Amino acid sequence: MADYQVLTQDEKDDIIVSFMRGQERDKYCHELNLARYTEMLKTLEPGKWRDRVSKLKDDTVSRLVEVDSTIAATAAQMPPAGRVTAAKQRLEAATAAPKS
């Protein structure tokens, strides 16, 4: 990886941990949608709405493959566990801090 003059190790850790959190949130939302679409398709009558939900389900399955691939590649870039914990604490503190 390149040398950085200003970006600190903590900042780099925060970026990758924040990115991974975003990917995991994305995956979680897609899994919720997949379960929802699957249930809906059990009872929807044939027609435009059923066709739309079926397409949404197919798109969601494809998106999950993409997200899983991104998560797997990102896992190899994650810092050691202790630094992940510290980054999560910094990120949580930053979102919990009162806005000025």
Protein backbone atom coordinates (compact mmCIF):
# COMPACT_ATOMS: atom_id res chain seq x y z
CA MET A 1 0.00 0.00 0.00
CA ALA A 2 1.13 3.56 -0.66
CA ASP A 3 2.70 5.78 1.95
CA TYR A 4 0.49 8.61 3.15
CA GLN A 5 1.78 11.89 4.50
CA VAL A 6 -1.28 13.01 6.42
CA LEU A 7 -3.67 10.07 6.76
CA THR A 8 -3.09 8.34 10.10
CA GLN A 9 -3.37 4.62 10.80
CA ASP A 10 -6.44 5.31 12.93
CA GLU A 11 -8.07 7.19 10.04
CA LYS A 12 -7.29 4.36 7.62
CA ASP A 13 -8.71 1.85 10.11
CA ASP A 14 -11.83 3.99 10.55
CA ILE A 15 -12.35 4.15 6.77
CA ILE A 16 -12.11 0.41 6.21
CA VAL A 17 -14.22 -0.45 9.25
CA SER A 18 -16.84 2.10 8.22
CA PHE A 19 -16.84 0.67 4.69
CA MET A 20 -17.26 -2.88 5.99
CA ARG A 21 -20.09 -1.75 8.26
CA GLY A 22 -21.79 -0.20 5.24
CA GLN A 23 -21.41 -3.39 3.23
CA GLU A 24 -22.80 -5.47 6.09
CA ARG A 25 -25.75 -3.10 6.41
CA ASP A 26 -26.31 -3.39 2.66
CA LYS A 27 -26.23 -7.19 2.91
CA TYR A 28 -28.64 -7.17 5.87
CA CYS A 29 -31.12 -4.98 3.96
CA HIS A 30 -30.91 -7.20 0.89
CA GLU A 31 -31.52 -10.29 3.04
CA LEU A 32 -34.58 -8.62 4.59
CA ASN A 33 -35.88 -7.74 1.13
CA LEU A 34 -35.23 -11.25 -0.17
CA ALA A 35 -37.23 -12.77 2.69
CA ARG A 36 -40.00 -10.22 2.13
CA TYR A 37 -40.20 -10.83 -1.62
CA THR A 38 -40.14 -14.60 -1.12
CA GLU A 39 -43.11 -14.37 1.26
CA MET A 40 -45.00 -12.00 -1.02
CA LEU A 41 -44.60 -14.30 -4.02
CA LYS A 42 -46.31 -17.11 -2.10
CA THR A 43 -49.62 -15.24 -2.13
CA LEU A 44 -49.52 -12.68 -4.96
CA GLU A 45 -51.86 -13.25 -7.86
CA PRO A 46 -50.39 -13.35 -11.37
CA GLY A 47 -50.04 -9.89 -12.87
CA LYS A 48 -47.85 -6.82 -13.12
CA TRP A 49 -47.21 -6.50 -9.38
CA ARG A 50 -46.21 -10.17 -9.03
CA ASP A 51 -43.93 -9.81 -12.06
CA ARG A 52 -42.37 -6.71 -10.48
CA VAL A 53 -41.81 -8.44 -7.14
CA SER A 54 -40.31 -11.45 -8.94
CA LYS A 55 -37.87 -9.14 -10.75
CA LEU A 56 -37.03 -7.37 -7.49
CA LYS A 57 -36.30 -10.76 -5.92
CA ASP A 58 -34.02 -11.75 -8.81
CA ASP A 59 -32.22 -8.39 -8.64
CA THR A 60 -31.78 -8.80 -4.89
CA VAL A 61 -30.23 -12.24 -5.31
CA SER A 62 -27.77 -10.76 -7.83
CA ARG A 63 -26.98 -7.86 -5.53
CA LEU A 64 -26.31 -10.24 -2.64
CA VAL A 65 -23.69 -12.02 -4.76
CA GLU A 66 -22.00 -8.67 -5.39
CA VAL A 67 -22.11 -7.63 -1.75
CA ASP A 68 -20.82 -11.00 -0.54
CA SER A 69 -17.93 -10.74 -2.98
CA THR A 70 -17.10 -7.22 -1.79
CA ILE A 71 -17.29 -8.29 1.86
CA ALA A 72 -14.96 -11.23 1.21
CA ALA A 73 -12.40 -8.98 -0.50
CA THR A 74 -12.69 -6.36 2.22
CA ALA A 75 -12.23 -8.95 4.98
CA ALA A 76 -8.67 -9.47 3.75
CA GLN A 77 -8.02 -5.72 4.18
CA MET A 78 -9.40 -5.45 7.71
CA PRO A 79 -7.00 -4.40 10.45
CA PRO A 80 -6.33 -6.73 13.39
CA ALA A 81 -9.21 -7.30 15.83
CA GLY A 82 -8.00 -4.81 18.43
CA ARG A 83 -7.79 -2.02 15.88
CA VAL A 84 -11.24 -2.95 14.53
CA THR A 85 -12.66 -2.60 18.04
CA ALA A 86 -10.94 0.77 18.49
CA ALA A 87 -12.20 2.00 15.11
CA LYS A 88 -15.76 0.93 15.93
CA GLN A 89 -15.54 2.83 19.22
CA ARG A 90 -14.27 5.97 17.46
CA LEU A 91 -16.99 5.72 14.80
CA GLU A 92 -19.71 5.22 17.41
CA ALA A 93 -18.39 8.13 19.47
CA ALA A 94 -18.37 10.35 16.38
CA THR A 95 -22.01 9.56 15.58
CA ALA A 96 -23.07 9.96 19.21
CA ALA A 97 -21.29 13.30 19.67
CA PRO A 98 -23.66 16.26 19.97
CA LYS A 99 -23.79 18.45 16.87
CA SER A 100 -22.61 22.01 17.29
